[in-house]
Amino acid sequence: MSEYVVKSDLLGKSFPGPKRGEENIVFENVNFRLKRGEFVTCIGHSGCGKSTILNILAGLEKPTSGGVLVDGKEVAGPGLDRAVVFQNHSLLPWLSAQDNVDFAVRAKWPKWDSAQVRDHSRKYLSRASLTEGLDRKPHALSGGMRQRVGIARAFALETEVLLMDEPFGALDALTRGSIQDELIKIWSETRKTVFMITHDVDEAILLSDRIFLMTNGPKANIAEAVVVDIPRPRNRGDIIHHPGYYDIRNHIIDFLVQRSKELSGAARSVPLEEVKTSQSLVYPPDVNPIRSAGDAGPDRKLA
């Protein structure tokens, strides 16, 4: 079994430009690897294509160039080897919370009887702290409960890869924090490979093993992967007191404010002859802000 469950090589996406023959290149030559059991978030300004990358991983969109492998198989469309949690809950409105999860479980294991399906669904609903109101339809649930159902449904599929597109973006701060805690708990128990899009720097630091930083579009790319070198388990109350927390946070903010714009358009198209030799593959470097700051001496100050 390979160490890497997801491999993206020379991934690119473009759309027709306003003039005939022109192309609007959103991103190009995007190469990355996701380790098995790794939690990776991706941050970048609107328009850099991060959600498009997630949709390509999910098989909901096709790349203009390059491709993605999941467990050695090329992604050619949606499949039950990947689960997706969207910003809107995407629950079936005519089914109850319980039935929404049952429906997904039954699709994954069609030979299971009703009792097996129900027991499996209940296990993951319980992990998401959903033990009451399971007979209610989505319109009768709060936003936080709907998103919990979506997360429980995704984990219940027991896929190796979980894709999350700003799953907490529409929630208030208190609800968001509570569901972040539930996500950490479920992920710690299952250790699935997670790729998540977010705009929230603090959320990314709390959840991630690595954080992909994308340059501005057009011609965006993943500039670097920030290593979150803070021990687990983590919780929101304590992590901000870790001596390296603000080293990571300041590094990301500096990138988003300054360097993402400076590096915009730095990606380049790759000729076919280079693709065949794989010499063109350049992966975003892992950067450890805590270690870098520590090398600067003991008198460094936290922001």
C-alpha atoms as a PDB file:
ATOM      1  CA  MET A   1       0.000   0.000   0.000  1.00  0.00           C
ATOM      2  CA  SER A   2       1.401   3.352  -1.084  1.00  0.00           C
ATOM      3  CA  GLU A   3       2.217   6.056   1.458  1.00  0.00           C
ATOM      4  CA  TYR A   4       0.333   8.523  -0.748  1.00  0.00           C
ATOM      5  CA  VAL A   5      -3.382   8.033  -1.334  1.00  0.00           C
ATOM      6  CA  VAL A   6      -3.878  11.095  -3.593  1.00  0.00           C
ATOM      7  CA  LYS A   7      -1.527  12.184  -6.363  1.00  0.00           C
ATOM      8  CA  SER A   8      -2.073  15.239  -8.558  1.00  0.00           C
ATOM      9  CA  ASP A   9       0.238  15.713 -11.539  1.00  0.00           C
ATOM     10  CA  LEU A  10       0.328  18.720 -13.874  1.00  0.00           C
ATOM     11  CA  LEU A  11      -3.261  19.594 -13.010  1.00  0.00           C
ATOM     12  CA  GLY A  12      -4.636  22.560 -14.901  1.00  0.00           C
ATOM     13  CA  LYS A  13      -7.978  24.214 -15.560  1.00  0.00           C
ATOM     14  CA  SER A  14      -8.836  26.908 -18.066  1.00  0.00           C
ATOM     15  CA  PHE A  15     -11.951  28.409 -19.603  1.00  0.00           C
ATOM     16  CA  PRO A  16     -12.519  30.132 -22.966  1.00  0.00           C
ATOM     17  CA  GLY A  17     -11.520  33.781 -22.892  1.00  0.00           C
ATOM     18  CA  PRO A  18     -13.550  36.737 -24.158  1.00  0.00           C
ATOM     19  CA  LYS A  19     -11.829  36.620 -27.560  1.00  0.00           C
ATOM     20  CA  ARG A  20     -11.809  33.650 -29.871  1.00  0.00           C
ATOM     21  CA  GLY A  21      -8.800  31.440 -29.281  1.00  0.00           C
ATOM     22  CA  GLU A  22      -7.995  32.978 -25.903  1.00  0.00           C
ATOM     23  CA  GLU A  23      -7.880  30.973 -22.703  1.00  0.00           C
ATOM     24  CA  ASN A  24      -8.484  32.093 -19.143  1.00  0.00           C
ATOM     25  CA  ILE A  25      -6.080  29.878 -17.153  1.00  0.00           C
ATOM     26  CA  VAL A  26      -7.330  29.539 -13.589  1.00  0.00           C
ATOM     27  CA  PHE A  27      -4.450  27.309 -12.429  1.00  0.00           C
ATOM     28  CA  GLU A  28      -1.834  25.136 -14.102  1.00  0.00           C
ATOM     29  CA  ASN A  29       0.943  22.677 -13.302  1.00  0.00           C
ATOM     30  CA  VAL A  30      -0.532  21.907  -9.863  1.00  0.00           C
ATOM     31  CA  ASN A  31       1.317  18.975  -8.305  1.00  0.00           C
ATOM     32  CA  PHE A  32       0.780  17.622  -4.811  1.00  0.00           C
ATOM     33  CA  ARG A  33       0.649  14.457  -2.749  1.00  0.00           C
ATOM     34  CA  LEU A  34      -1.627  13.605   0.189  1.00  0.00           C
ATOM     35  CA  LYS A  35      -0.320  11.071   2.658  1.00  0.00           C
ATOM     36  CA  ARG A  36      -2.618   8.343   3.932  1.00  0.00           C
ATOM     37  CA  GLY A  37      -4.412   9.603   7.048  1.00  0.00           C
ATOM     38  CA  GLU A  38      -3.243  13.205   6.563  1.00  0.00           C
ATOM     39  CA  PHE A  39      -5.471  16.227   7.199  1.00  0.00           C
ATOM     40  CA  VAL A  40      -4.668  18.942   4.637  1.00  0.00           C
ATOM     41  CA  THR A  41      -6.397  22.281   4.208  1.00  0.00           C
ATOM     42  CA  CYS A  42      -6.069  24.674   1.280  1.00  0.00           C
ATOM     43  CA  ILE A  43      -6.210  28.468   1.584  1.00  0.00           C
ATOM     44  CA  GLY A  44      -6.160  31.124  -1.113  1.00  0.00           C
ATOM     45  CA  HIS A  45      -8.004  34.195  -2.329  1.00  0.00           C
ATOM     46  CA  SER A  46     -11.243  33.854  -4.260  1.00  0.00           C
ATOM     47  CA  GLY A  47     -10.621  33.013  -7.910  1.00  0.00           C
ATOM     48  CA  CYS A  48      -7.479  30.931  -7.393  1.00  0.00           C
ATOM     49  CA  GLY A  49      -9.331  27.700  -8.184  1.00  0.00           C
ATOM     50  CA  LYS A  50      -9.136  25.870  -4.871  1.00  0.00           C
ATOM     51  CA  SER A  51     -12.766  24.719  -4.998  1.00  0.00           C
ATOM     52  CA  THR A  52     -12.257  23.658  -8.607  1.00  0.00           C
ATOM     53  CA  ILE A  53      -9.339  21.460  -7.515  1.00  0.00           C
ATOM     54  CA  LEU A  54     -11.606  19.856  -4.909  1.00  0.00           C
ATOM     55  CA  ASN A  55     -14.325  19.308  -7.529  1.00  0.00           C
ATOM     56  CA  ILE A  56     -11.780  17.626  -9.797  1.00  0.00           C
ATOM     57  CA  LEU A  57     -10.728  15.359  -6.923  1.00  0.00           C
ATOM     58  CA  ALA A  58     -14.397  14.555  -6.370  1.00  0.00           C
ATOM     59  CA  GLY A  59     -14.883  13.764 -10.064  1.00  0.00           C
ATOM     60  CA  LEU A  60     -17.481  16.518 -10.426  1.00  0.00           C
ATOM     61  CA  GLU A  61     -15.361  18.512 -12.861  1.00  0.00           C
ATOM     62  CA  LYS A  62     -12.791  17.545 -15.464  1.00  0.00           C
ATOM     63  CA  PRO A  63      -9.341  19.161 -15.666  1.00  0.00           C
ATOM     64  CA  THR A  64      -8.137  20.830 -18.828  1.00  0.00           C
ATOM     65  CA  SER A  65      -4.739  19.197 -18.368  1.00  0.00           C
ATOM     66  CA  GLY A  66      -3.093  16.685 -16.074  1.00  0.00           C
ATOM     67  CA  GLY A  67      -4.954  14.333 -13.782  1.00  0.00           C
ATOM     68  CA  VAL A  68      -5.509  12.937 -10.304  1.00  0.00           C
ATOM     69  CA  LEU A  69      -4.978   9.438  -8.933  1.00  0.00           C
ATOM     70  CA  VAL A  70      -6.708   8.088  -5.815  1.00  0.00           C
ATOM     71  CA  ASP A  71      -5.163   4.845  -4.591  1.00  0.00           C
ATOM     72  CA  GLY A  72      -3.522   4.449  -7.987  1.00  0.00           C
ATOM     73  CA  LYS A  73      -6.761   4.833  -9.991  1.00  0.00           C
ATOM     74  CA  GLU A  74      -7.411   7.833 -12.208  1.00  0.00           C
ATOM     75  CA  VAL A  75     -10.355   9.977 -11.145  1.00  0.00           C
ATOM     76  CA  ALA A  76     -12.760  10.000 -14.091  1.00  0.00           C
ATOM     77  CA  GLY A  77     -16.003  10.820 -12.269  1.00  0.00           C
ATOM     78  CA  PRO A  78     -17.773  10.622  -8.901  1.00  0.00           C
ATOM     79  CA  GLY A  79     -17.321   7.413  -6.943  1.00  0.00           C
ATOM     80  CA  LEU A  80     -17.941   5.761  -3.601  1.00  0.00           C
ATOM     81  CA  ASP A  81     -14.190   5.770  -2.895  1.00  0.00           C
ATOM     82  CA  ARG A  82     -14.470   9.504  -2.103  1.00  0.00           C
ATOM     83  CA  ALA A  83     -16.950  11.363   0.094  1.00  0.00           C
ATOM     84  CA  VAL A  84     -17.741  15.083  -0.148  1.00  0.00           C
ATOM     85  CA  VAL A  85     -19.063  17.614   2.364  1.00  0.00           C
ATOM     86  CA  PHE A  86     -20.163  20.891   0.768  1.00  0.00           C
ATOM     87  CA  GLN A  87     -20.728  24.313   2.299  1.00  0.00           C
ATOM     88  CA  ASN A  88     -24.467  23.839   1.931  1.00  0.00           C
ATOM     89  CA  HIS A  89     -25.519  20.608   3.597  1.00  0.00           C
ATOM     90  CA  SER A  90     -26.702  18.896   0.354  1.00  0.00           C
ATOM     91  CA  LEU A  91     -29.155  16.675   2.225  1.00  0.00           C
ATOM     92  CA  LEU A  92     -32.140  15.166   0.433  1.00  0.00           C
ATOM     93  CA  PRO A  93     -35.012  17.389   1.648  1.00  0.00           C
ATOM     94  CA  TRP A  94     -37.677  14.676   1.546  1.00  0.00           C
ATOM     95  CA  LEU A  95     -35.705  12.311   3.823  1.00  0.00           C
ATOM     96  CA  SER A  96     -35.134  12.512   7.570  1.00  0.00           C
ATOM     97  CA  ALA A  97     -31.660  12.947   9.043  1.00  0.00           C
ATOM     98  CA  GLN A  98     -31.446   9.218   9.725  1.00  0.00           C
ATOM     99  CA  ASP A  99     -32.704   8.290   6.255  1.00  0.00           C
ATOM    100  CA  ASN A 100     -30.213  10.639   4.578  1.00  0.00           C
ATOM    101  CA  VAL A 101     -27.341   8.708   6.134  1.00  0.00           C
ATOM    102  CA  ASP A 102     -29.058   5.350   5.540  1.00  0.00           C
ATOM    103  CA  PHE A 103     -29.461   6.209   1.854  1.00  0.00           C
ATOM    104  CA  ALA A 104     -25.700   6.736   1.438  1.00  0.00           C
ATOM    105  CA  VAL A 105     -24.794   3.634   3.452  1.00  0.00           C
ATOM    106  CA  ARG A 106     -27.185   1.488   1.404  1.00  0.00           C
ATOM    107  CA  ALA A 107     -25.586   2.753  -1.819  1.00  0.00           C
ATOM    108  CA  LYS A 108     -22.149   1.737  -0.528  1.00  0.00           C
ATOM    109  CA  TRP A 109     -23.234  -1.676   0.822  1.00  0.00           C
ATOM    110  CA  PRO A 110     -26.330  -2.723  -1.181  1.00  0.00           C
ATOM    111  CA  LYS A 111     -26.331  -6.266   0.249  1.00  0.00           C
ATOM    112  CA  TRP A 112     -26.715  -5.133   3.857  1.00  0.00           C
ATOM    113  CA  ASP A 113     -30.101  -5.623   5.515  1.00  0.00           C
ATOM    114  CA  SER A 114     -32.004  -2.753   7.127  1.00  0.00           C
ATOM    115  CA  ALA A 115     -30.690  -3.477  10.611  1.00  0.00           C
ATOM    116  CA  GLN A 116     -27.054  -3.416   9.463  1.00  0.00           C
ATOM    117  CA  VAL A 117     -27.617  -0.145   7.595  1.00  0.00           C
ATOM    118  CA  ARG A 118     -29.357   1.468  10.567  1.00  0.00           C
ATOM    119  CA  ASP A 119     -26.727   0.355  13.100  1.00  0.00           C
ATOM    120  CA  HIS A 120     -23.866   1.592  10.896  1.00  0.00           C
ATOM    121  CA  SER A 121     -25.557   4.970  10.347  1.00  0.00           C
ATOM    122  CA  ARG A 122     -26.315   5.385  14.037  1.00  0.00           C
ATOM    123  CA  LYS A 123     -22.678   4.781  14.926  1.00  0.00           C
ATOM    124  CA  TYR A 124     -21.528   7.764  12.873  1.00  0.00           C
ATOM    125  CA  LEU A 125     -24.490   9.959  13.798  1.00  0.00           C
ATOM    126  CA  SER A 126     -23.580   9.331  17.432  1.00  0.00           C
ATOM    127  CA  ARG A 127     -19.951  10.257  16.734  1.00  0.00           C
ATOM    128  CA  ALA A 128     -21.234  13.547  15.339  1.00  0.00           C
ATOM    129  CA  SER A 129     -23.212  14.056  18.587  1.00  0.00           C
ATOM    130  CA  LEU A 130     -26.534  13.433  16.860  1.00  0.00           C
ATOM    131  CA  THR A 131     -28.710  11.184  18.986  1.00  0.00           C
ATOM    132  CA  GLU A 132     -31.990  13.125  18.953  1.00  0.00           C
ATOM    133  CA  GLY A 133     -34.155  14.567  16.190  1.00  0.00           C
ATOM    134  CA  LEU A 134     -33.033  11.943  13.681  1.00  0.00           C
ATOM    135  CA  ASP A 135     -36.618  11.592  12.413  1.00  0.00           C
ATOM    136  CA  ARG A 136     -36.741  15.263  11.398  1.00  0.00           C
ATOM    137  CA  LYS A 137     -36.316  16.415   7.816  1.00  0.00           C
ATOM    138  CA  PRO A 138     -33.587  18.968   6.983  1.00  0.00           C
ATOM    139  CA  HIS A 139     -35.912  21.989   7.070  1.00  0.00           C
ATOM    140  CA  ALA A 140     -36.679  21.212  10.721  1.00  0.00           C
ATOM    141  CA  LEU A 141     -33.006  21.053  11.730  1.00  0.00           C
ATOM    142  CA  SER A 142     -30.679  23.905  12.647  1.00  0.00           C
ATOM    143  CA  GLY A 143     -27.827  24.759  10.295  1.00  0.00           C
ATOM    144  CA  GLY A 144     -25.344  23.143  12.657  1.00  0.00           C
ATOM    145  CA  MET A 145     -27.367  19.939  12.885  1.00  0.00           C
ATOM    146  CA  ARG A 146     -27.723  19.745   9.105  1.00  0.00           C
ATOM    147  CA  GLN A 147     -23.970  20.046   8.699  1.00  0.00           C
ATOM    148  CA  ARG A 148     -23.400  17.408  11.370  1.00  0.00           C
ATOM    149  CA  VAL A 149     -25.646  15.049   9.401  1.00  0.00           C
ATOM    150  CA  GLY A 150     -23.601  15.753   6.266  1.00  0.00           C
ATOM    151  CA  ILE A 151     -20.354  15.027   8.096  1.00  0.00           C
ATOM    152  CA  ALA A 152     -21.768  11.841   9.639  1.00  0.00           C
ATOM    153  CA  ARG A 153     -22.967  10.702   6.199  1.00  0.00           C
ATOM    154  CA  ALA A 154     -19.544  11.318   4.659  1.00  0.00           C
ATOM    155  CA  PHE A 155     -17.647   9.439   7.368  1.00  0.00           C
ATOM    156  CA  ALA A 156     -20.228   6.622   7.356  1.00  0.00           C
ATOM    157  CA  LEU A 157     -19.161   5.751   3.815  1.00  0.00           C
ATOM    158  CA  GLU A 158     -15.757   4.854   5.277  1.00  0.00           C
ATOM    159  CA  THR A 159     -13.938   6.076   2.185  1.00  0.00           C
ATOM    160  CA  GLU A 160     -10.197   6.579   2.332  1.00  0.00           C
ATOM    161  CA  VAL A 161     -10.566  10.185   1.123  1.00  0.00           C
ATOM    162  CA  LEU A 162     -12.879  12.874   2.492  1.00  0.00           C
ATOM    163  CA  LEU A 163     -13.250  16.154   0.601  1.00  0.00           C
ATOM    164  CA  MET A 164     -14.668  19.209   2.359  1.00  0.00           C
ATOM    165  CA  ASP A 165     -15.456  22.525   0.655  1.00  0.00           C
ATOM    166  CA  GLU A 166     -15.749  25.230   3.320  1.00  0.00           C
ATOM    167  CA  PRO A 167     -18.136  23.051   5.339  1.00  0.00           C
ATOM    168  CA  PHE A 168     -18.503  25.581   8.170  1.00  0.00           C
ATOM    169  CA  GLY A 169     -18.555  28.783   6.113  1.00  0.00           C
ATOM    170  CA  ALA A 170     -22.273  29.470   6.583  1.00  0.00           C
ATOM    171  CA  LEU A 171     -22.329  28.835  10.343  1.00  0.00           C
ATOM    172  CA  ASP A 172     -22.065  31.280  13.232  1.00  0.00           C
ATOM    173  CA  ALA A 173     -18.838  31.323  15.248  1.00  0.00           C
ATOM    174  CA  LEU A 174     -20.118  29.309  18.226  1.00  0.00           C
ATOM    175  CA  THR A 175     -21.715  26.595  16.094  1.00  0.00           C
ATOM    176  CA  ARG A 176     -18.646  26.506  13.873  1.00  0.00           C
ATOM    177  CA  GLY A 177     -16.365  25.923  16.849  1.00  0.00           C
ATOM    178  CA  SER A 178     -18.565  23.157  18.197  1.00  0.00           C
ATOM    179  CA  ILE A 179     -18.624  21.285  14.876  1.00  0.00           C
ATOM    180  CA  GLN A 180     -14.872  21.738  14.453  1.00  0.00           C
ATOM    181  CA  ASP A 181     -14.508  19.864  17.740  1.00  0.00           C
ATOM    182  CA  GLU A 182     -16.784  17.085  16.461  1.00  0.00           C
ATOM    183  CA  LEU A 183     -14.789  16.854  13.233  1.00  0.00           C
ATOM    184  CA  ILE A 184     -11.510  16.551  15.151  1.00  0.00           C
ATOM    185  CA  LYS A 185     -13.026  13.788  17.294  1.00  0.00           C
ATOM    186  CA  ILE A 186     -14.347  11.764  14.345  1.00  0.00           C
ATOM    187  CA  TRP A 187     -11.171  12.209  12.310  1.00  0.00           C
ATOM    188  CA  SER A 188      -9.018  11.156  15.274  1.00  0.00           C
ATOM    189  CA  GLU A 189     -11.025   7.938  15.532  1.00  0.00           C
ATOM    190  CA  THR A 190     -11.028   7.129  11.798  1.00  0.00           C
ATOM    191  CA  ARG A 191      -7.812   8.738  10.484  1.00  0.00           C
ATOM    192  CA  LYS A 192      -9.196   9.266   6.999  1.00  0.00           C
ATOM    193  CA  THR A 193      -7.316  11.349   4.454  1.00  0.00           C
ATOM    194  CA  VAL A 194      -8.970  14.784   4.410  1.00  0.00           C
ATOM    195  CA  PHE A 195      -8.610  17.592   1.867  1.00  0.00           C
ATOM    196  CA  MET A 196     -10.502  20.684   2.994  1.00  0.00           C
ATOM    197  CA  ILE A 197     -10.995  24.164   1.551  1.00  0.00           C
ATOM    198  CA  THR A 198     -11.240  27.035   4.026  1.00  0.00           C
ATOM    199  CA  HIS A 199     -10.824  30.798   4.251  1.00  0.00           C
ATOM    200  CA  ASP A 200     -10.302  30.672   8.022  1.00  0.00           C
ATOM    201  CA  VAL A 201      -6.630  30.709   9.032  1.00  0.00           C
ATOM    202  CA  ASP A 202      -7.292  29.740  12.659  1.00  0.00           C
ATOM    203  CA  GLU A 203      -9.501  26.850  11.552  1.00  0.00           C
ATOM    204  CA  ALA A 204      -6.774  25.610   9.237  1.00  0.00           C
ATOM    205  CA  ILE A 205      -4.150  25.672  11.997  1.00  0.00           C
ATOM    206  CA  LEU A 206      -6.462  23.876  14.428  1.00  0.00           C
ATOM    207  CA  LEU A 207      -7.310  21.035  12.032  1.00  0.00           C
ATOM    208  CA  SER A 208      -4.365  20.544   9.709  1.00  0.00           C
ATOM    209  CA  ASP A 209      -1.203  18.534   9.416  1.00  0.00           C
ATOM    210  CA  ARG A 210      -0.298  20.720   6.414  1.00  0.00           C
ATOM    211  CA  ILE A 211      -1.817  23.838   4.865  1.00  0.00           C
ATOM    212  CA  PHE A 212      -1.536  24.435   1.102  1.00  0.00           C
ATOM    213  CA  LEU A 213      -1.110  28.132   0.254  1.00  0.00           C
ATOM    214  CA  MET A 214      -2.314  29.098  -3.220  1.00  0.00           C
ATOM    215  CA  THR A 215      -1.172  32.128  -5.189  1.00  0.00           C
ATOM    216  CA  ASN A 216      -3.712  34.496  -6.692  1.00  0.00           C
ATOM    217  CA  GLY A 217      -5.340  33.659 -10.002  1.00  0.00           C
ATOM    218  CA  PRO A 218      -5.125  33.658 -12.935  1.00  0.00           C
ATOM    219  CA  LYS A 219      -2.413  31.025 -13.442  1.00  0.00           C
ATOM    220  CA  ALA A 220      -2.540  30.155  -9.756  1.00  0.00           C
ATOM    221  CA  ASN A 221      -0.498  27.431  -8.156  1.00  0.00           C
ATOM    222  CA  ILE A 222       0.226  25.904  -4.752  1.00  0.00           C
ATOM    223  CA  ALA A 223       3.251  27.887  -3.615  1.00  0.00           C
ATOM    224  CA  GLU A 224       4.063  25.973  -0.436  1.00  0.00           C
ATOM    225  CA  ALA A 225       2.751  23.562   2.156  1.00  0.00           C
ATOM    226  CA  VAL A 226       2.916  24.904   5.711  1.00  0.00           C
ATOM    227  CA  VAL A 227       3.660  22.199   8.274  1.00  0.00           C
ATOM    228  CA  VAL A 228       1.578  22.621  11.432  1.00  0.00           C
ATOM    229  CA  ASP A 229       4.113  21.367  13.943  1.00  0.00           C
ATOM    230  CA  ILE A 230       1.794  21.516  16.965  1.00  0.00           C
ATOM    231  CA  PRO A 231       1.175  18.269  18.841  1.00  0.00           C
ATOM    232  CA  ARG A 232      -2.196  16.556  18.801  1.00  0.00           C
ATOM    233  CA  PRO A 233      -4.701  16.331  20.354  1.00  0.00           C
ATOM    234  CA  ARG A 234      -5.514  20.011  19.882  1.00  0.00           C
ATOM    235  CA  ASN A 235      -8.389  22.088  21.167  1.00  0.00           C
ATOM    236  CA  ARG A 236      -9.409  25.640  20.417  1.00  0.00           C
ATOM    237  CA  GLY A 237      -8.861  26.857  23.962  1.00  0.00           C
ATOM    238  CA  ASP A 238      -5.264  25.710  24.308  1.00  0.00           C
ATOM    239  CA  ILE A 239      -3.784  25.877  20.815  1.00  0.00           C
ATOM    240  CA  ILE A 240      -3.517  29.679  20.817  1.00  0.00           C
ATOM    241  CA  HIS A 241      -1.156  29.418  23.795  1.00  0.00           C
ATOM    242  CA  HIS A 242       1.268  27.110  22.004  1.00  0.00           C
ATOM    243  CA  PRO A 243       4.577  29.013  21.563  1.00  0.00           C
ATOM    244  CA  GLY A 244       4.592  28.381  17.814  1.00  0.00           C
ATOM    245  CA  TYR A 245       0.967  29.180  17.050  1.00  0.00           C
ATOM    246  CA  TYR A 246       1.553  32.767  15.980  1.00  0.00           C
ATOM    247  CA  ASP A 247       4.650  31.839  13.986  1.00  0.00           C
ATOM    248  CA  ILE A 248       2.386  29.739  11.775  1.00  0.00           C
ATOM    249  CA  ARG A 249      -0.430  32.269  11.762  1.00  0.00           C
ATOM    250  CA  ASN A 250       1.821  35.219  10.895  1.00  0.00           C
ATOM    251  CA  HIS A 251       3.480  33.217   8.111  1.00  0.00           C
ATOM    252  CA  ILE A 252       0.099  32.461   6.515  1.00  0.00           C
ATOM    253  CA  ILE A 253      -1.223  36.012   6.907  1.00  0.00           C
ATOM    254  CA  ASP A 254       1.969  37.409   5.362  1.00  0.00           C
ATOM    255  CA  PHE A 255       1.502  35.076   2.419  1.00  0.00           C
ATOM    256  CA  LEU A 256      -2.147  36.025   1.901  1.00  0.00           C
ATOM    257  CA  VAL A 257      -1.507  39.766   2.216  1.00  0.00           C
ATOM    258  CA  GLN A 258       1.788  40.018   0.316  1.00  0.00           C
ATOM    259  CA  ARG A 259       3.334  36.995  -1.315  1.00  0.00           C
ATOM    260  CA  SER A 260       0.213  35.454  -2.878  1.00  0.00           C
ATOM    261  CA  LYS A 261      -0.048  38.505  -5.130  1.00  0.00           C
ATOM    262  CA  GLU A 262       3.692  38.742  -5.799  1.00  0.00           C
ATOM    263  CA  LEU A 263       3.810  35.089  -6.896  1.00  0.00           C
ATOM    264  CA  SER A 264       0.650  35.331  -8.994  1.00  0.00           C
ATOM    265  CA  GLY A 265       1.123  34.022 -12.516  1.00  0.00           C
ATOM    266  CA  ALA A 266       4.373  32.277 -11.642  1.00  0.00           C
ATOM    267  CA  ALA A 267       3.041  28.891 -12.792  1.00  0.00           C
ATOM    268  CA  ARG A 268       4.067  27.807 -16.266  1.00  0.00           C
ATOM    269  CA  SER A 269       2.657  25.488 -18.854  1.00  0.00           C
ATOM    270  CA  VAL A 270       4.650  22.318 -19.423  1.00  0.00           C
ATOM    271  CA  PRO A 271       5.609  21.007 -22.870  1.00  0.00           C
ATOM    272  CA  LEU A 272       4.629  17.425 -23.653  1.00  0.00           C
ATOM    273  CA  GLU A 273       8.238  16.257 -23.951  1.00  0.00           C
ATOM    274  CA  GLU A 274       8.853  17.332 -20.342  1.00  0.00           C
ATOM    275  CA  VAL A 275       5.708  15.537 -19.183  1.00  0.00           C
ATOM    276  CA  LYS A 276       6.995  12.262 -20.627  1.00  0.00           C
ATOM    277  CA  THR A 277      10.224  12.511 -18.659  1.00  0.00           C
ATOM    278  CA  SER A 278       8.466  13.795 -15.489  1.00  0.00           C
ATOM    279  CA  GLN A 279      11.302  16.296 -15.093  1.00  0.00           C
ATOM    280  CA  SER A 280       8.806  19.151 -14.998  1.00  0.00           C
ATOM    281  CA  LEU A 281       7.064  18.045 -11.811  1.00  0.00           C
ATOM    282  CA  VAL A 282       7.749  20.593  -9.093  1.00  0.00           C
ATOM    283  CA  TYR A 283       6.015  20.026  -5.779  1.00  0.00           C
ATOM    284  CA  PRO A 284       5.250  22.774  -3.255  1.00  0.00           C
ATOM    285  CA  PRO A 285       7.972  22.778  -0.606  1.00  0.00           C
ATOM    286  CA  ASP A 286       7.095  21.909   2.980  1.00  0.00           C
ATOM    287  CA  VAL A 287       7.721  24.963   5.186  1.00  0.00           C
ATOM    288  CA  ASN A 288       7.868  24.772   8.984  1.00  0.00           C
ATOM    289  CA  PRO A 289       7.401  28.304  10.421  1.00  0.00           C
ATOM    290  CA  ILE A 290       7.942  27.120  14.004  1.00  0.00           C
ATOM    291  CA  ARG A 291      11.326  25.613  13.235  1.00  0.00           C
ATOM    292  CA  SER A 292      12.296  28.601  11.084  1.00  0.00           C
ATOM    293  CA  ALA A 293      11.368  31.035  13.844  1.00  0.00           C
ATOM    294  CA  GLY A 294      13.198  28.930  16.408  1.00  0.00           C
ATOM    295  CA  ASP A 295      16.349  29.147  14.320  1.00  0.00           C
ATOM    296  CA  ALA A 296      16.130  32.935  14.582  1.00  0.00           C
ATOM    297  CA  GLY A 297      16.936  32.815  18.274  1.00  0.00           C
ATOM    298  CA  PRO A 298      15.195  32.697  21.649  1.00  0.00           C
ATOM    299  CA  ASP A 299      14.297  36.380  21.757  1.00  0.00           C
ATOM    300  CA  ARG A 300      11.677  36.233  19.008  1.00  0.00           C
ATOM    301  CA  LYS A 301       8.328  37.805  19.948  1.00  0.00           C
ATOM    302  CA  LEU A 302       4.837  36.502  19.329  1.00  0.00           C
ATOM    303  CA  ALA A 303       2.500  38.761  17.440  1.00  0.00           C
END
